[in-house]
Every structure is written in structure tokens, then in C-alpha cells.
Amino acid sequence: MFARLSFTLNGGEALVLRGANGSGKSTLLRLLAGLSRAQTGRIEWNGRDIGDDPERHGARVRLAAHLDAVKPSLSVRENLLFWARLVGAGEDSVAPAVEAFALTPLMDVPARVLSAGQRHRVALARVLLGHAPLWLLDEPANTLDDAALKLLAAAVAAHRARGGMVVIASHGEALAADGAVLSMNDYAPPAHNWDGAAA
């Protein structure tokens, strides 16, 4: 876990989270997405606590986490149309997302037969639906080959060029070389020994 952490992210910027396993990278992304609440402190959007209007905050965030949430019984097309409706994006937002991640040949393929990398590209394509200003990407390079990694880097660059913001946990330097780096190890709480005293 972490404590005493503070940062500001502006339009067009990227923040790369680095740190050891268990340092809180995924937890921080969930907090930023509004899926969990911090025990102390505040997370604000333009000066307002994101917890004041969770539905509004959810509409401006896209999270690509470890679990891809791709439904195996649906085709790639059906998965993306489902997510477009869920986030209130028009069906016309699906085509650019498909193109961005080179999914056209897979559109009618059931997700259950996709490779891990293909499923991950489908999950990442969901981030593009609806033009949410804040992308939260949890180790997004996992399972991607070099070609797919280039597609992701291009999507991140295009998003930032439109004024979008990105927070990337691990491997972010390959996707946002000019992004600020936040070491989660620097915000670890003091270690304690077996009798409860601070080490």
C-alpha cells in the first residue's frame, strides 16, 4: 500500500507508475477510476471530489485492468457493441477502435477462440469508445506482440494529442517516453517488525 501520495495530471499529460509488486499501482488505478475509496485524502477532478458524482466520473474514465472482461460467448463485434452501449457511446465509435487495434479480420470471431494477445487488444479497444478524457492502463503491454505494442503507443499518442490524459502502470516508458514517472516504492508506509514497532 501507499501513503502521502500527491500528484496533478493535466490535459495531454501521461503519468507512469513504477514500483515493486504489491506497491499499490493497481490499487491507485482503481482509486482513480472511482471503483474504490481512499481511507484518507481526496481525489479531485477540477477541484471537486470524484465521489461527489460517481456516475459522472465513471463516464470520463476508461480502465483497462488485468481482467479483460471480454465475454467469451460473444464475437469481437458483439463485445465492442455491448461496451459501447454500456458507456453511452454511439455505435459509430466502434469502427475507429477496431481500426486502431487492427481487429477487422477478427470481428465475427467468438472471443473464446482468440489468443491472449488478441483478447487483450479487444479489451484495449474498449478504452477508445466514447472519447473519455482519462485512460487508466494497468500493465497494458502484457501479452502484446511488437506490432500490437506499436498500435497501443499510437493510440496513446493520439489520445494525448486531443488533450486526453493517461496513467500507465508499468512499461509506460515504451508508450509515453515523455511521461512523468511516479515511483510507488517512495510512498510505502513504514515497515513494522513482528511486535508492531516501526522498523
N, C-alpha and C. Protein backbone atom coordinates (compact mmCIF):
# COMPACT_ATOMS: atom_id res chain seq x y z
N MET A 1 0.83 -1.19 0.00
CA MET A 1 0.00 0.00 0.00
C MET A 1 0.87 1.25 0.00
N PHE A 2 0.24 2.41 0.03
CA PHE A 2 0.99 3.65 -0.07
C PHE A 2 0.34 4.72 0.81
N ALA A 3 1.10 5.79 1.05
CA ALA A 3 0.61 6.90 1.88
C ALA A 3 1.34 8.16 1.44
N ARG A 4 0.73 9.31 1.75
CA ARG A 4 1.32 10.63 1.49
C ARG A 4 1.56 10.89 0.01
N LEU A 5 0.79 10.28 -0.85
CA LEU A 5 0.99 10.42 -2.28
C LEU A 5 0.16 11.59 -2.80
N SER A 6 0.76 12.41 -3.66
CA SER A 6 0.05 13.56 -4.23
C SER A 6 0.61 13.85 -5.62
N PHE A 7 -0.27 14.10 -6.58
CA PHE A 7 0.16 14.50 -7.92
C PHE A 7 -1.00 15.18 -8.63
N THR A 8 -0.66 15.90 -9.70
CA THR A 8 -1.64 16.56 -10.55
C THR A 8 -1.40 16.13 -11.99
N LEU A 9 -2.47 15.88 -12.71
CA LEU A 9 -2.36 15.48 -14.11
C LEU A 9 -3.21 16.43 -14.94
N ASN A 10 -2.61 17.01 -15.97
CA ASN A 10 -3.30 17.97 -16.83
C ASN A 10 -3.54 17.37 -18.21
N GLY A 11 -4.38 18.01 -18.99
CA GLY A 11 -4.69 17.55 -20.32
C GLY A 11 -3.44 17.35 -21.17
N GLY A 12 -3.37 16.24 -21.88
CA GLY A 12 -2.25 15.92 -22.74
C GLY A 12 -1.09 15.24 -22.04
N GLU A 13 -1.19 15.09 -20.72
CA GLU A 13 -0.07 14.53 -19.97
C GLU A 13 -0.24 13.03 -19.72
N ALA A 14 0.90 12.39 -19.45
CA ALA A 14 0.92 10.97 -19.09
C ALA A 14 1.70 10.80 -17.79
N LEU A 15 1.23 9.89 -16.97
CA LEU A 15 1.91 9.55 -15.73
C LEU A 15 2.18 8.05 -15.75
N VAL A 16 3.44 7.68 -15.51
CA VAL A 16 3.84 6.29 -15.50
C VAL A 16 4.08 5.86 -14.05
N LEU A 17 3.37 4.83 -13.61
CA LEU A 17 3.52 4.30 -12.26
C LEU A 17 4.52 3.15 -12.29
N ARG A 18 5.56 3.26 -11.49
CA ARG A 18 6.54 2.20 -11.37
C ARG A 18 6.57 1.73 -9.92
N GLY A 19 7.02 0.51 -9.71
CA GLY A 19 7.12 0.00 -8.35
C GLY A 19 7.08 -1.50 -8.29
N ALA A 20 7.50 -2.02 -7.15
CA ALA A 20 7.52 -3.47 -6.94
C ALA A 20 6.11 -4.02 -6.90
N ASN A 21 5.99 -5.34 -7.09
CA ASN A 21 4.69 -5.99 -6.91
C ASN A 21 4.16 -5.68 -5.52
N GLY A 22 2.88 -5.32 -5.46
CA GLY A 22 2.28 -5.01 -4.17
C GLY A 22 2.51 -3.58 -3.70
N SER A 23 3.13 -2.75 -4.53
CA SER A 23 3.40 -1.37 -4.12
C SER A 23 2.18 -0.46 -4.25
N GLY A 24 1.12 -0.96 -4.90
CA GLY A 24 -0.12 -0.19 -4.96
C GLY A 24 -0.47 0.39 -6.32
N LYS A 25 0.21 -0.03 -7.37
CA LYS A 25 -0.07 0.52 -8.70
C LYS A 25 -1.52 0.24 -9.12
N SER A 26 -1.94 -1.01 -9.03
CA SER A 26 -3.30 -1.37 -9.43
C SER A 26 -4.33 -0.74 -8.49
N THR A 27 -4.00 -0.69 -7.22
CA THR A 27 -4.91 -0.06 -6.24
C THR A 27 -5.11 1.41 -6.58
N LEU A 28 -4.03 2.10 -6.92
CA LEU A 28 -4.16 3.51 -7.26
C LEU A 28 -5.03 3.71 -8.50
N LEU A 29 -4.87 2.84 -9.49
CA LEU A 29 -5.71 2.95 -10.68
C LEU A 29 -7.18 2.76 -10.33
N ARG A 30 -7.48 1.81 -9.47
CA ARG A 30 -8.88 1.60 -9.05
C ARG A 30 -9.42 2.81 -8.29
N LEU A 31 -8.58 3.42 -7.48
CA LEU A 31 -8.99 4.64 -6.78
C LEU A 31 -9.27 5.76 -7.77
N LEU A 32 -8.40 5.92 -8.75
CA LEU A 32 -8.59 6.97 -9.75
C LEU A 32 -9.84 6.73 -10.59
N ALA A 33 -10.18 5.45 -10.79
CA ALA A 33 -11.37 5.11 -11.56
C ALA A 33 -12.65 5.29 -10.75
N GLY A 34 -12.51 5.47 -9.44
CA GLY A 34 -13.68 5.59 -8.59
C GLY A 34 -14.27 4.26 -8.18
N LEU A 35 -13.53 3.17 -8.39
CA LEU A 35 -14.04 1.85 -8.03
C LEU A 35 -13.76 1.50 -6.58
N SER A 36 -12.84 2.22 -5.95
CA SER A 36 -12.54 2.07 -4.53
C SER A 36 -12.42 3.45 -3.93
N ARG A 37 -12.53 3.52 -2.60
CA ARG A 37 -12.42 4.80 -1.90
C ARG A 37 -11.17 4.80 -1.04
N ALA A 38 -10.46 5.92 -1.08
CA ALA A 38 -9.26 6.06 -0.26
C ALA A 38 -9.64 6.15 1.22
N GLN A 39 -8.81 5.57 2.08
CA GLN A 39 -9.07 5.64 3.51
C GLN A 39 -8.91 7.07 4.02
N THR A 40 -7.96 7.79 3.45
CA THR A 40 -7.76 9.19 3.79
C THR A 40 -7.44 9.95 2.50
N GLY A 41 -7.60 11.26 2.56
CA GLY A 41 -7.26 12.09 1.41
C GLY A 41 -8.41 12.20 0.42
N ARG A 42 -8.13 12.90 -0.67
CA ARG A 42 -9.15 13.17 -1.69
C ARG A 42 -8.57 12.96 -3.08
N ILE A 43 -9.42 12.56 -3.99
CA ILE A 43 -9.09 12.53 -5.41
C ILE A 43 -10.06 13.49 -6.08
N GLU A 44 -9.53 14.50 -6.73
CA GLU A 44 -10.36 15.57 -7.27
C GLU A 44 -10.26 15.65 -8.79
N TRP A 45 -11.34 16.10 -9.39
CA TRP A 45 -11.38 16.42 -10.81
C TRP A 45 -11.83 17.87 -10.92
N ASN A 46 -10.94 18.71 -11.38
CA ASN A 46 -11.23 20.15 -11.46
C ASN A 46 -11.73 20.71 -10.13
N GLY A 47 -11.08 20.28 -9.05
CA GLY A 47 -11.39 20.82 -7.73
C GLY A 47 -12.54 20.17 -7.00
N ARG A 48 -13.21 19.19 -7.60
CA ARG A 48 -14.33 18.52 -6.94
C ARG A 48 -13.98 17.06 -6.68
N ASP A 49 -14.34 16.59 -5.50
CA ASP A 49 -14.10 15.19 -5.15
C ASP A 49 -14.84 14.28 -6.13
N ILE A 50 -14.15 13.27 -6.67
CA ILE A 50 -14.79 12.41 -7.66
C ILE A 50 -15.94 11.61 -7.05
N GLY A 51 -15.93 11.46 -5.72
CA GLY A 51 -17.01 10.74 -5.05
C GLY A 51 -18.30 11.53 -4.98
N ASP A 52 -18.27 12.83 -5.28
CA ASP A 52 -19.48 13.64 -5.24
C ASP A 52 -20.46 13.26 -6.34
N ASP A 53 -19.94 12.77 -7.46
CA ASP A 53 -20.79 12.37 -8.59
C ASP A 53 -20.14 11.18 -9.29
N PRO A 54 -20.25 9.98 -8.68
CA PRO A 54 -19.57 8.80 -9.22
C PRO A 54 -19.96 8.47 -10.66
N GLU A 55 -21.22 8.66 -11.01
CA GLU A 55 -21.66 8.33 -12.36
C GLU A 55 -21.00 9.25 -13.39
N ARG A 56 -20.92 10.52 -13.06
CA ARG A 56 -20.27 11.46 -13.98
C ARG A 56 -18.79 11.14 -14.12
N HIS A 57 -18.15 10.80 -13.00
CA HIS A 57 -16.74 10.47 -13.07
C HIS A 57 -16.52 9.19 -13.88
N GLY A 58 -17.38 8.21 -13.69
CA GLY A 58 -17.25 6.97 -14.45
C GLY A 58 -17.32 7.20 -15.95
N ALA A 59 -18.09 8.20 -16.38
CA ALA A 59 -18.24 8.47 -17.81
C ALA A 59 -16.98 9.09 -18.41
N ARG A 60 -16.13 9.67 -17.58
CA ARG A 60 -14.93 10.32 -18.13
C ARG A 60 -13.67 9.48 -17.96
N VAL A 61 -13.84 8.24 -17.52
CA VAL A 61 -12.70 7.35 -17.27
C VAL A 61 -12.87 6.05 -18.04
N ARG A 62 -11.75 5.54 -18.58
CA ARG A 62 -11.73 4.18 -19.14
C ARG A 62 -10.57 3.45 -18.47
N LEU A 63 -10.87 2.27 -17.93
CA LEU A 63 -9.88 1.45 -17.23
C LEU A 63 -9.66 0.16 -17.99
N ALA A 64 -8.40 -0.13 -18.30
CA ALA A 64 -8.02 -1.43 -18.85
C ALA A 64 -7.19 -2.12 -17.78
N ALA A 65 -7.80 -3.09 -17.10
CA ALA A 65 -7.17 -3.74 -15.94
C ALA A 65 -6.69 -5.13 -16.32
N HIS A 66 -6.24 -5.90 -15.32
CA HIS A 66 -5.71 -7.24 -15.56
C HIS A 66 -6.79 -8.17 -16.12
N LEU A 67 -7.99 -8.10 -15.58
CA LEU A 67 -9.09 -8.92 -16.09
C LEU A 67 -9.69 -8.21 -17.29
N ASP A 68 -9.71 -8.87 -18.46
CA ASP A 68 -10.11 -8.16 -19.68
C ASP A 68 -11.61 -7.97 -19.82
N ALA A 69 -12.42 -8.73 -19.09
CA ALA A 69 -13.88 -8.60 -19.13
C ALA A 69 -14.45 -8.83 -20.53
N VAL A 70 -13.73 -9.54 -21.36
CA VAL A 70 -14.23 -9.90 -22.69
C VAL A 70 -15.10 -11.14 -22.55
N LYS A 71 -16.34 -11.06 -23.04
CA LYS A 71 -17.27 -12.17 -22.89
C LYS A 71 -16.96 -13.24 -23.95
N PRO A 72 -16.57 -14.46 -23.52
CA PRO A 72 -16.12 -15.48 -24.47
C PRO A 72 -17.20 -15.95 -25.44
N SER A 73 -18.47 -15.87 -25.05
CA SER A 73 -19.53 -16.37 -25.93
C SER A 73 -19.91 -15.38 -27.02
N LEU A 74 -19.43 -14.15 -26.92
CA LEU A 74 -19.76 -13.12 -27.91
C LEU A 74 -18.62 -12.96 -28.91
N SER A 75 -18.96 -12.52 -30.10
CA SER A 75 -17.93 -12.20 -31.08
C SER A 75 -17.23 -10.90 -30.67
N VAL A 76 -16.13 -10.60 -31.34
CA VAL A 76 -15.44 -9.33 -31.08
C VAL A 76 -16.39 -8.17 -31.33
N ARG A 77 -17.13 -8.21 -32.42
CA ARG A 77 -18.10 -7.15 -32.74
C ARG A 77 -19.13 -6.99 -31.62
N GLU A 78 -19.68 -8.12 -31.19
CA GLU A 78 -20.72 -8.07 -30.15
C GLU A 78 -20.16 -7.54 -28.83
N ASN A 79 -18.93 -7.93 -28.50
CA ASN A 79 -18.30 -7.42 -27.29
C ASN A 79 -18.17 -5.90 -27.34
N LEU A 80 -17.67 -5.38 -28.45
CA LEU A 80 -17.45 -3.94 -28.55
C LEU A 80 -18.76 -3.16 -28.61
N LEU A 81 -19.76 -3.71 -29.29
CA LEU A 81 -21.07 -3.04 -29.32
C LEU A 81 -21.70 -3.03 -27.94
N PHE A 82 -21.54 -4.13 -27.19
CA PHE A 82 -22.05 -4.18 -25.82
C PHE A 82 -21.42 -3.09 -24.97
N TRP A 83 -20.08 -2.95 -25.07
CA TRP A 83 -19.39 -1.96 -24.25
C TRP A 83 -19.70 -0.55 -24.71
N ALA A 84 -19.89 -0.34 -26.01
CA ALA A 84 -20.27 0.99 -26.49
C ALA A 84 -21.60 1.42 -25.89
N ARG A 85 -22.57 0.50 -25.87
CA ARG A 85 -23.87 0.83 -25.27
C ARG A 85 -23.73 1.06 -23.77
N LEU A 86 -22.91 0.25 -23.12
CA LEU A 86 -22.76 0.36 -21.67
C LEU A 86 -22.21 1.71 -21.25
N VAL A 87 -21.25 2.26 -22.02
CA VAL A 87 -20.64 3.54 -21.65
C VAL A 87 -21.33 4.72 -22.31
N GLY A 88 -22.43 4.46 -23.03
CA GLY A 88 -23.17 5.55 -23.64
C GLY A 88 -22.53 6.11 -24.89
N ALA A 89 -21.68 5.31 -25.54
CA ALA A 89 -21.04 5.75 -26.79
C ALA A 89 -21.87 5.25 -27.96
N GLY A 90 -21.85 5.99 -29.04
CA GLY A 90 -22.57 5.56 -30.23
C GLY A 90 -21.89 4.38 -30.90
N GLU A 91 -22.67 3.65 -31.68
CA GLU A 91 -22.10 2.51 -32.40
C GLU A 91 -21.02 2.95 -33.38
N ASP A 92 -21.08 4.23 -33.80
CA ASP A 92 -20.07 4.73 -34.73
C ASP A 92 -18.70 4.86 -34.08
N SER A 93 -18.64 4.74 -32.73
CA SER A 93 -17.34 4.79 -32.06
C SER A 93 -16.59 3.47 -32.15
N VAL A 94 -17.28 2.40 -32.56
CA VAL A 94 -16.66 1.08 -32.61
C VAL A 94 -15.65 0.99 -33.76
N ALA A 95 -16.00 1.52 -34.93
CA ALA A 95 -15.13 1.38 -36.10
C ALA A 95 -13.74 1.98 -35.87
N PRO A 96 -13.61 3.20 -35.32
CA PRO A 96 -12.26 3.72 -35.06
C PRO A 96 -11.48 2.88 -34.05
N ALA A 97 -12.16 2.33 -33.06
CA ALA A 97 -11.48 1.49 -32.08
C ALA A 97 -10.98 0.21 -32.72
N VAL A 98 -11.79 -0.37 -33.59
CA VAL A 98 -11.42 -1.59 -34.31
C VAL A 98 -10.20 -1.32 -35.19
N GLU A 99 -10.22 -0.20 -35.90
CA GLU A 99 -9.10 0.14 -36.78
C GLU A 99 -7.83 0.39 -35.98
N ALA A 100 -7.97 1.08 -34.84
CA ALA A 100 -6.79 1.42 -34.04
C ALA A 100 -6.04 0.18 -33.58
N PHE A 101 -6.76 -0.93 -33.34
CA PHE A 101 -6.11 -2.14 -32.85
C PHE A 101 -6.16 -3.30 -33.85
N ALA A 102 -6.36 -2.95 -35.13
CA ALA A 102 -6.28 -3.93 -36.23
C ALA A 102 -7.14 -5.16 -35.96
N LEU A 103 -8.39 -4.94 -35.58
CA LEU A 103 -9.27 -6.04 -35.22
C LEU A 103 -10.25 -6.44 -36.33
N THR A 104 -10.21 -5.76 -37.46
CA THR A 104 -11.19 -6.02 -38.52
C THR A 104 -11.28 -7.49 -38.91
N PRO A 105 -10.17 -8.20 -39.11
CA PRO A 105 -10.29 -9.62 -39.50
C PRO A 105 -10.91 -10.52 -38.43
N LEU A 106 -11.00 -10.00 -37.20
CA LEU A 106 -11.49 -10.82 -36.09
C LEU A 106 -12.91 -10.48 -35.67
N MET A 107 -13.56 -9.57 -36.36
CA MET A 107 -14.82 -9.03 -35.87
C MET A 107 -15.90 -10.08 -35.63
N ASP A 108 -15.96 -11.10 -36.44
CA ASP A 108 -17.02 -12.11 -36.28
C ASP A 108 -16.53 -13.38 -35.60
N VAL A 109 -15.34 -13.33 -35.05
CA VAL A 109 -14.76 -14.48 -34.36
C VAL A 109 -15.22 -14.50 -32.91
N PRO A 110 -15.69 -15.64 -32.40
CA PRO A 110 -16.05 -15.71 -30.97
C PRO A 110 -14.83 -15.46 -30.10
N ALA A 111 -15.00 -14.69 -29.06
CA ALA A 111 -13.86 -14.32 -28.22
C ALA A 111 -13.21 -15.53 -27.58
N ARG A 112 -13.95 -16.63 -27.41
CA ARG A 112 -13.39 -17.80 -26.73
C ARG A 112 -12.24 -18.44 -27.51
N VAL A 113 -12.14 -18.17 -28.82
CA VAL A 113 -11.07 -18.78 -29.61
C VAL A 113 -9.92 -17.82 -29.87
N LEU A 114 -9.99 -16.62 -29.32
CA LEU A 114 -8.91 -15.65 -29.51
C LEU A 114 -7.70 -16.02 -28.67
N SER A 115 -6.54 -15.63 -29.14
CA SER A 115 -5.33 -15.78 -28.32
C SER A 115 -5.36 -14.75 -27.20
N ALA A 116 -4.47 -14.89 -26.24
CA ALA A 116 -4.41 -13.94 -25.12
C ALA A 116 -4.12 -12.53 -25.64
N GLY A 117 -3.23 -12.41 -26.60
CA GLY A 117 -2.90 -11.10 -27.15
C GLY A 117 -4.07 -10.48 -27.90
N GLN A 118 -4.81 -11.30 -28.65
CA GLN A 118 -5.98 -10.80 -29.37
C GLN A 118 -7.07 -10.34 -28.40
N ARG A 119 -7.31 -11.11 -27.36
CA ARG A 119 -8.30 -10.71 -26.34
C ARG A 119 -7.88 -9.39 -25.70
N HIS A 120 -6.60 -9.24 -25.46
CA HIS A 120 -6.11 -8.02 -24.83
C HIS A 120 -6.31 -6.82 -25.75
N ARG A 121 -6.13 -7.00 -27.04
CA ARG A 121 -6.38 -5.92 -28.00
C ARG A 121 -7.86 -5.53 -28.00
N VAL A 122 -8.75 -6.51 -27.86
CA VAL A 122 -10.18 -6.20 -27.77
C VAL A 122 -10.45 -5.37 -26.51
N ALA A 123 -9.85 -5.79 -25.39
CA ALA A 123 -10.03 -5.06 -24.14
C ALA A 123 -9.50 -3.63 -24.26
N LEU A 124 -8.37 -3.46 -24.91
CA LEU A 124 -7.80 -2.13 -25.09
C LEU A 124 -8.65 -1.28 -26.03
N ALA A 125 -9.24 -1.91 -27.04
CA ALA A 125 -10.10 -1.16 -27.96
C ALA A 125 -11.27 -0.53 -27.23
N ARG A 126 -11.73 -1.17 -26.17
CA ARG A 126 -12.85 -0.61 -25.39
C ARG A 126 -12.49 0.75 -24.81
N VAL A 127 -11.21 0.98 -24.52
CA VAL A 127 -10.79 2.24 -23.92
C VAL A 127 -11.09 3.41 -24.87
N LEU A 128 -11.08 3.15 -26.17
CA LEU A 128 -11.30 4.21 -27.15
C LEU A 128 -12.77 4.59 -27.31
N LEU A 129 -13.66 3.77 -26.81
CA LEU A 129 -15.09 4.01 -27.02
C LEU A 129 -15.56 5.23 -26.22
N GLY A 130 -16.12 6.19 -26.92
CA GLY A 130 -16.73 7.33 -26.23
C GLY A 130 -15.82 8.48 -25.90
N HIS A 131 -14.56 8.42 -26.25
CA HIS A 131 -13.63 9.54 -26.06
C HIS A 131 -13.57 10.03 -24.61
N ALA A 132 -13.44 9.13 -23.68
CA ALA A 132 -13.26 9.52 -22.27
C ALA A 132 -11.91 10.23 -22.11
N PRO A 133 -11.85 11.31 -21.33
CA PRO A 133 -10.59 12.06 -21.23
C PRO A 133 -9.48 11.39 -20.44
N LEU A 134 -9.81 10.45 -19.54
CA LEU A 134 -8.78 9.83 -18.70
C LEU A 134 -8.72 8.34 -18.96
N TRP A 135 -7.55 7.87 -19.42
CA TRP A 135 -7.31 6.44 -19.60
C TRP A 135 -6.44 5.94 -18.46
N LEU A 136 -6.83 4.80 -17.88
CA LEU A 136 -6.07 4.15 -16.82
C LEU A 136 -5.69 2.76 -17.33
N LEU A 137 -4.40 2.54 -17.54
CA LEU A 137 -3.93 1.32 -18.18
C LEU A 137 -3.03 0.55 -17.22
N ASP A 138 -3.47 -0.65 -16.85
CA ASP A 138 -2.73 -1.46 -15.89
C ASP A 138 -1.89 -2.50 -16.63
N GLU A 139 -0.59 -2.26 -16.68
CA GLU A 139 0.35 -3.13 -17.38
C GLU A 139 -0.18 -3.50 -18.77
N PRO A 140 -0.44 -2.48 -19.60
CA PRO A 140 -1.12 -2.74 -20.88
C PRO A 140 -0.28 -3.47 -21.91
N ALA A 141 1.03 -3.52 -21.73
CA ALA A 141 1.88 -4.20 -22.72
C ALA A 141 1.86 -5.71 -22.57
N ASN A 142 1.34 -6.22 -21.46
CA ASN A 142 1.31 -7.67 -21.25
C ASN A 142 0.58 -8.37 -22.38
N THR A 143 1.14 -9.44 -22.89
CA THR A 143 0.62 -10.33 -23.95
C THR A 143 0.62 -9.69 -25.34
N LEU A 144 1.07 -8.45 -25.49
CA LEU A 144 1.08 -7.81 -26.80
C LEU A 144 2.38 -8.10 -27.53
N ASP A 145 2.29 -8.38 -28.84
CA ASP A 145 3.50 -8.51 -29.64
C ASP A 145 3.96 -7.11 -30.06
N ASP A 146 5.07 -7.05 -30.78
CA ASP A 146 5.65 -5.76 -31.14
C ASP A 146 4.70 -4.92 -31.98
N ALA A 147 3.98 -5.55 -32.90
CA ALA A 147 3.07 -4.80 -33.77
C ALA A 147 1.92 -4.21 -32.95
N ALA A 148 1.37 -5.00 -32.03
CA ALA A 148 0.27 -4.51 -31.20
C ALA A 148 0.73 -3.43 -30.24
N LEU A 149 1.97 -3.55 -29.77
CA LEU A 149 2.50 -2.53 -28.88
C LEU A 149 2.63 -1.19 -29.61
N LYS A 150 3.01 -1.24 -30.88
CA LYS A 150 3.08 -0.01 -31.67
C LYS A 150 1.69 0.60 -31.86
N LEU A 151 0.68 -0.24 -32.06
CA LEU A 151 -0.69 0.26 -32.18
C LEU A 151 -1.13 0.94 -30.90
N LEU A 152 -0.81 0.33 -29.76
CA LEU A 152 -1.18 0.93 -28.48
C LEU A 152 -0.47 2.26 -28.27
N ALA A 153 0.82 2.30 -28.59
CA ALA A 153 1.57 3.55 -28.44
C ALA A 153 0.97 4.65 -29.32
N ALA A 154 0.55 4.29 -30.53
CA ALA A 154 -0.07 5.28 -31.43
C ALA A 154 -1.40 5.75 -30.87
N ALA A 155 -2.18 4.85 -30.29
CA ALA A 155 -3.48 5.23 -29.70
C ALA A 155 -3.28 6.16 -28.52
N VAL A 156 -2.28 5.87 -27.67
CA VAL A 156 -1.99 6.73 -26.53
C VAL A 156 -1.55 8.11 -27.00
N ALA A 157 -0.68 8.15 -28.01
CA ALA A 157 -0.21 9.43 -28.53
C ALA A 157 -1.35 10.25 -29.12
N ALA A 158 -2.25 9.61 -29.86
CA ALA A 158 -3.39 10.32 -30.45
C ALA A 158 -4.32 10.85 -29.37
N HIS A 159 -4.54 10.05 -28.34
CA HIS A 159 -5.40 10.47 -27.22
C HIS A 159 -4.82 11.70 -26.54
N ARG A 160 -3.53 11.69 -26.29
CA ARG A 160 -2.88 12.83 -25.64
C ARG A 160 -2.89 14.06 -26.55
N ALA A 161 -2.74 13.85 -27.84
CA ALA A 161 -2.75 14.97 -28.78
C ALA A 161 -4.10 15.68 -28.78
N ARG A 162 -5.17 14.94 -28.44
CA ARG A 162 -6.51 15.53 -28.34
C ARG A 162 -6.76 16.14 -26.96
N GLY A 163 -5.75 16.13 -26.11
CA GLY A 163 -5.91 16.68 -24.77
C GLY A 163 -6.24 15.66 -23.72
N GLY A 164 -6.24 14.38 -24.08
CA GLY A 164 -6.53 13.33 -23.13
C GLY A 164 -5.38 13.08 -22.17
N MET A 165 -5.68 12.43 -21.06
CA MET A 165 -4.70 12.09 -20.03
C MET A 165 -4.60 10.58 -19.90
N VAL A 166 -3.40 10.11 -19.52
CA VAL A 166 -3.16 8.67 -19.39
C VAL A 166 -2.34 8.40 -18.14
N VAL A 167 -2.78 7.42 -17.36
CA VAL A 167 -1.98 6.90 -16.26
C VAL A 167 -1.70 5.44 -16.58
N ILE A 168 -0.41 5.09 -16.61
CA ILE A 168 0.01 3.76 -17.05
C ILE A 168 0.82 3.10 -15.94
N ALA A 169 0.39 1.91 -15.52
CA ALA A 169 1.14 1.16 -14.51
C ALA A 169 2.11 0.23 -15.22
N SER A 170 3.40 0.47 -15.02
CA SER A 170 4.48 -0.37 -15.56
C SER A 170 4.57 -0.31 -17.09
N HIS A 171 5.75 -0.44 -17.60
CA HIS A 171 6.03 -0.46 -19.03
C HIS A 171 5.61 0.82 -19.73
N GLY A 172 5.31 1.85 -18.97
CA GLY A 172 4.79 3.07 -19.56
C GLY A 172 5.80 3.82 -20.39
N GLU A 173 7.09 3.65 -20.10
CA GLU A 173 8.09 4.38 -20.85
C GLU A 173 8.04 4.03 -22.34
N ALA A 174 7.63 2.81 -22.67
CA ALA A 174 7.52 2.41 -24.07
C ALA A 174 6.32 3.06 -24.75
N LEU A 175 5.37 3.52 -23.96
CA LEU A 175 4.14 4.09 -24.51
C LEU A 175 4.08 5.61 -24.36
N ALA A 176 4.82 6.15 -23.42
CA ALA A 176 4.83 7.58 -23.17
C ALA A 176 6.20 7.97 -22.64
N ALA A 177 7.16 8.02 -23.56
CA ALA A 177 8.55 8.26 -23.15
C ALA A 177 8.73 9.59 -22.44
N ASP A 178 7.86 10.56 -22.74
CA ASP A 178 7.97 11.88 -22.12
C ASP A 178 7.09 12.01 -20.88
N GLY A 179 6.46 10.92 -20.46
CA GLY A 179 5.57 10.99 -19.30
C GLY A 179 6.33 11.13 -18.00
N ALA A 180 5.69 11.77 -17.03
CA ALA A 180 6.26 11.84 -15.69
C ALA A 180 6.24 10.45 -15.08
N VAL A 181 7.24 10.15 -14.25
CA VAL A 181 7.33 8.83 -13.60
C VAL A 181 7.11 9.00 -12.11
N LEU A 182 6.22 8.18 -11.58
CA LEU A 182 5.93 8.17 -10.15
C LEU A 182 6.34 6.82 -9.59
N SER A 183 7.32 6.81 -8.69
CA SER A 183 7.76 5.55 -8.08
C SER A 183 6.90 5.27 -6.85
N MET A 184 6.07 4.23 -6.93
CA MET A 184 5.19 3.89 -5.81
C MET A 184 6.00 3.43 -4.61
N ASN A 185 7.21 2.92 -4.83
CA ASN A 185 8.06 2.48 -3.72
C ASN A 185 8.37 3.63 -2.77
N ASP A 186 8.39 4.86 -3.30
CA ASP A 186 8.71 6.03 -2.47
C ASP A 186 7.60 6.39 -1.49
N TYR A 187 6.41 5.79 -1.68
CA TYR A 187 5.27 6.15 -0.85
C TYR A 187 4.79 4.98 0.01
N ALA A 188 5.64 3.98 0.16
CA ALA A 188 5.29 2.84 1.01
C ALA A 188 5.27 3.28 2.47
N PRO A 189 4.31 2.81 3.25
CA PRO A 189 4.29 3.15 4.67
C PRO A 189 5.49 2.54 5.39
N PRO A 190 5.85 3.05 6.56
CA PRO A 190 6.99 2.49 7.30
C PRO A 190 6.81 1.01 7.57
N ALA A 191 7.90 0.27 7.43
CA ALA A 191 7.85 -1.17 7.72
C ALA A 191 7.73 -1.39 9.23
N HIS A 192 7.09 -2.49 9.63
CA HIS A 192 6.94 -2.83 11.05
C HIS A 192 7.54 -4.22 11.28
N ASN A 193 8.12 -4.38 12.46
CA ASN A 193 8.63 -5.71 12.78
C ASN A 193 7.54 -6.54 13.45
N TRP A 194 7.88 -7.73 13.88
CA TRP A 194 6.88 -8.68 14.34
C TRP A 194 6.14 -8.22 15.58
N ASP A 195 6.72 -7.34 16.42
CA ASP A 195 6.00 -6.92 17.63
C ASP A 195 5.23 -5.62 17.43
N GLY A 196 5.15 -5.14 16.17
CA GLY A 196 4.31 -3.98 15.88
C GLY A 196 5.09 -2.67 15.93
N ALA A 197 6.33 -2.67 16.32
CA ALA A 197 7.09 -1.42 16.37
C ALA A 197 7.64 -1.10 14.99
N ALA A 198 7.72 0.18 14.67
CA ALA A 198 8.25 0.59 13.37
C ALA A 198 9.73 0.17 13.28
N ALA A 199 10.10 -0.36 12.10
CA ALA A 199 11.47 -0.81 11.90
C ALA A 199 12.39 0.37 11.61
